[in-house]
Amino acid sequence: MYALEALQSMKPGQVLQVIADCPQSFRSVPEEAVKHGYLLAAAPEKRGQDLYFYIRIPL
């Protein structure tokens, strides 16, 4: 998951927006982020075919 690689180089408080076009991502992106100690900054959003996730680095 490339998003987790990007999160590793981010600073506390920063937010990463992940855009996915795969329905399976609805579960895997948030689950993997939380499993690795990151937080969801907002509920996932669906816009058309795309899913938007906002993942925050804990302070």
N, C-alpha and C. Protein backbone atom coordinates (compact mmCIF):
# COMPACT_ATOMS: atom_id res chain seq x y z
N MET A 1 0.85 -1.17 0.00
CA MET A 1 0.00 0.00 0.00
C MET A 1 0.90 1.24 0.00
N TYR A 2 0.90 1.98 -1.07
CA TYR A 2 1.76 3.15 -1.22
C TYR A 2 1.43 4.26 -0.23
N ALA A 3 0.18 4.38 0.17
CA ALA A 3 -0.21 5.43 1.12
C ALA A 3 0.54 5.27 2.43
N LEU A 4 0.72 4.05 2.89
CA LEU A 4 1.45 3.84 4.14
C LEU A 4 2.90 4.26 4.01
N GLU A 5 3.49 4.09 2.85
CA GLU A 5 4.86 4.54 2.62
C GLU A 5 4.93 6.06 2.70
N ALA A 6 3.97 6.75 2.13
CA ALA A 6 3.94 8.21 2.18
C ALA A 6 3.73 8.69 3.62
N LEU A 7 2.90 8.01 4.37
CA LEU A 7 2.63 8.39 5.75
C LEU A 7 3.89 8.34 6.61
N GLN A 8 4.78 7.43 6.32
CA GLN A 8 5.99 7.27 7.13
C GLN A 8 6.89 8.50 7.06
N SER A 9 6.81 9.27 6.00
CA SER A 9 7.68 10.45 5.86
C SER A 9 6.98 11.75 6.27
N MET A 10 5.74 11.65 6.73
CA MET A 10 4.98 12.84 7.10
C MET A 10 5.19 13.20 8.57
N LYS A 11 4.88 14.45 8.90
CA LYS A 11 5.04 14.95 10.27
C LYS A 11 3.73 14.86 11.04
N PRO A 12 3.81 14.79 12.38
CA PRO A 12 2.60 14.74 13.20
C PRO A 12 1.63 15.88 12.88
N GLY A 13 0.36 15.54 12.77
CA GLY A 13 -0.67 16.53 12.46
C GLY A 13 -0.98 16.66 10.97
N GLN A 14 -0.07 16.21 10.11
CA GLN A 14 -0.32 16.30 8.67
C GLN A 14 -1.38 15.29 8.26
N VAL A 15 -2.10 15.61 7.17
CA VAL A 15 -3.17 14.75 6.67
C VAL A 15 -2.85 14.33 5.24
N LEU A 16 -3.01 13.06 4.96
CA LEU A 16 -2.83 12.53 3.62
C LEU A 16 -4.20 12.22 3.03
N GLN A 17 -4.45 12.71 1.83
CA GLN A 17 -5.69 12.38 1.13
C GLN A 17 -5.37 11.23 0.18
N VAL A 18 -6.12 10.14 0.31
CA VAL A 18 -5.95 8.97 -0.55
C VAL A 18 -7.21 8.85 -1.40
N ILE A 19 -7.04 8.74 -2.71
CA ILE A 19 -8.17 8.57 -3.62
C ILE A 19 -8.06 7.18 -4.23
N ALA A 20 -9.10 6.38 -4.09
CA ALA A 20 -9.10 5.02 -4.60
C ALA A 20 -10.33 4.82 -5.49
N ASP A 21 -10.18 3.97 -6.48
CA ASP A 21 -11.31 3.70 -7.37
C ASP A 21 -11.75 2.24 -7.29
N CYS A 22 -11.33 1.56 -6.24
CA CYS A 22 -11.64 0.14 -6.08
C CYS A 22 -12.54 -0.05 -4.85
N PRO A 23 -13.70 -0.67 -5.00
CA PRO A 23 -14.60 -0.87 -3.86
C PRO A 23 -13.95 -1.60 -2.69
N GLN A 24 -13.00 -2.48 -2.94
CA GLN A 24 -12.33 -3.20 -1.87
C GLN A 24 -11.53 -2.24 -0.99
N SER A 25 -11.13 -1.11 -1.54
CA SER A 25 -10.36 -0.13 -0.79
C SER A 25 -11.18 0.48 0.34
N PHE A 26 -12.49 0.42 0.23
CA PHE A 26 -13.34 1.01 1.27
C PHE A 26 -13.00 0.40 2.62
N ARG A 27 -12.64 -0.86 2.63
CA ARG A 27 -12.27 -1.50 3.90
C ARG A 27 -10.76 -1.52 4.09
N SER A 28 -10.00 -1.83 3.06
CA SER A 28 -8.58 -2.06 3.25
C SER A 28 -7.79 -0.79 3.59
N VAL A 29 -8.10 0.35 2.99
CA VAL A 29 -7.34 1.57 3.28
C VAL A 29 -7.50 1.99 4.74
N PRO A 30 -8.72 2.20 5.23
CA PRO A 30 -8.85 2.59 6.64
C PRO A 30 -8.32 1.54 7.61
N GLU A 31 -8.57 0.27 7.35
CA GLU A 31 -8.12 -0.79 8.25
C GLU A 31 -6.60 -0.82 8.34
N GLU A 32 -5.92 -0.73 7.21
CA GLU A 32 -4.46 -0.76 7.21
C GLU A 32 -3.88 0.47 7.88
N ALA A 33 -4.45 1.63 7.64
CA ALA A 33 -3.95 2.86 8.25
C ALA A 33 -4.07 2.79 9.77
N VAL A 34 -5.23 2.40 10.26
CA VAL A 34 -5.45 2.32 11.71
C VAL A 34 -4.56 1.24 12.31
N LYS A 35 -4.42 0.13 11.62
CA LYS A 35 -3.59 -0.98 12.10
C LYS A 35 -2.14 -0.52 12.30
N HIS A 36 -1.69 0.44 11.51
CA HIS A 36 -0.32 0.94 11.60
C HIS A 36 -0.19 2.17 12.50
N GLY A 37 -1.28 2.52 13.20
CA GLY A 37 -1.21 3.59 14.18
C GLY A 37 -1.61 4.97 13.70
N TYR A 38 -2.16 5.06 12.50
CA TYR A 38 -2.62 6.35 11.98
C TYR A 38 -4.10 6.53 12.30
N LEU A 39 -4.59 7.75 12.12
CA LEU A 39 -5.98 8.07 12.44
C LEU A 39 -6.74 8.48 11.19
N LEU A 40 -8.03 8.21 11.17
CA LEU A 40 -8.87 8.73 10.08
C LEU A 40 -9.29 10.14 10.48
N ALA A 41 -8.97 11.12 9.65
CA ALA A 41 -9.27 12.52 9.95
C ALA A 41 -10.74 12.83 9.65
N ALA A 42 -11.36 12.03 8.82
CA ALA A 42 -12.77 12.22 8.44
C ALA A 42 -13.31 10.88 7.96
N ALA A 43 -14.61 10.78 7.92
CA ALA A 43 -15.23 9.57 7.40
C ALA A 43 -14.93 9.46 5.90
N PRO A 44 -14.74 8.24 5.40
CA PRO A 44 -14.51 8.07 3.95
C PRO A 44 -15.67 8.67 3.15
N GLU A 45 -15.35 9.26 2.01
CA GLU A 45 -16.36 9.85 1.13
C GLU A 45 -16.38 9.10 -0.20
N LYS A 46 -17.57 8.94 -0.76
CA LYS A 46 -17.69 8.36 -2.09
C LYS A 46 -18.19 9.45 -3.03
N ARG A 47 -17.42 9.69 -4.08
CA ARG A 47 -17.79 10.67 -5.11
C ARG A 47 -17.72 9.96 -6.45
N GLY A 48 -18.88 9.65 -6.99
CA GLY A 48 -18.90 8.88 -8.23
C GLY A 48 -18.30 7.51 -7.97
N GLN A 49 -17.29 7.14 -8.75
CA GLN A 49 -16.62 5.85 -8.58
C GLN A 49 -15.47 5.93 -7.58
N ASP A 50 -15.06 7.14 -7.22
CA ASP A 50 -13.88 7.31 -6.37
C ASP A 50 -14.23 7.33 -4.88
N LEU A 51 -13.31 6.81 -4.09
CA LEU A 51 -13.42 6.83 -2.64
C LEU A 51 -12.29 7.72 -2.11
N TYR A 52 -12.63 8.62 -1.21
CA TYR A 52 -11.65 9.55 -0.63
C TYR A 52 -11.47 9.22 0.85
N PHE A 53 -10.20 9.11 1.24
CA PHE A 53 -9.84 8.83 2.62
C PHE A 53 -8.90 9.92 3.08
N TYR A 54 -9.06 10.35 4.31
CA TYR A 54 -8.20 11.37 4.90
C TYR A 54 -7.56 10.75 6.14
N ILE A 55 -6.25 10.55 6.07
CA ILE A 55 -5.52 9.88 7.13
C ILE A 55 -4.58 10.87 7.79
N ARG A 56 -4.66 10.95 9.12
CA ARG A 56 -3.86 11.93 9.87
C ARG A 56 -2.78 11.23 10.67
N ILE A 57 -1.62 11.90 10.72
CA ILE A 57 -0.53 11.42 11.55
C ILE A 57 -0.84 11.89 12.98
N PRO A 58 -0.81 10.98 13.97
CA PRO A 58 -1.11 11.39 15.34
C PRO A 58 -0.10 12.44 15.84
N LEU A 59 -0.56 13.30 16.73
CA LEU A 59 0.32 14.32 17.32
C LEU A 59 1.21 13.70 18.36
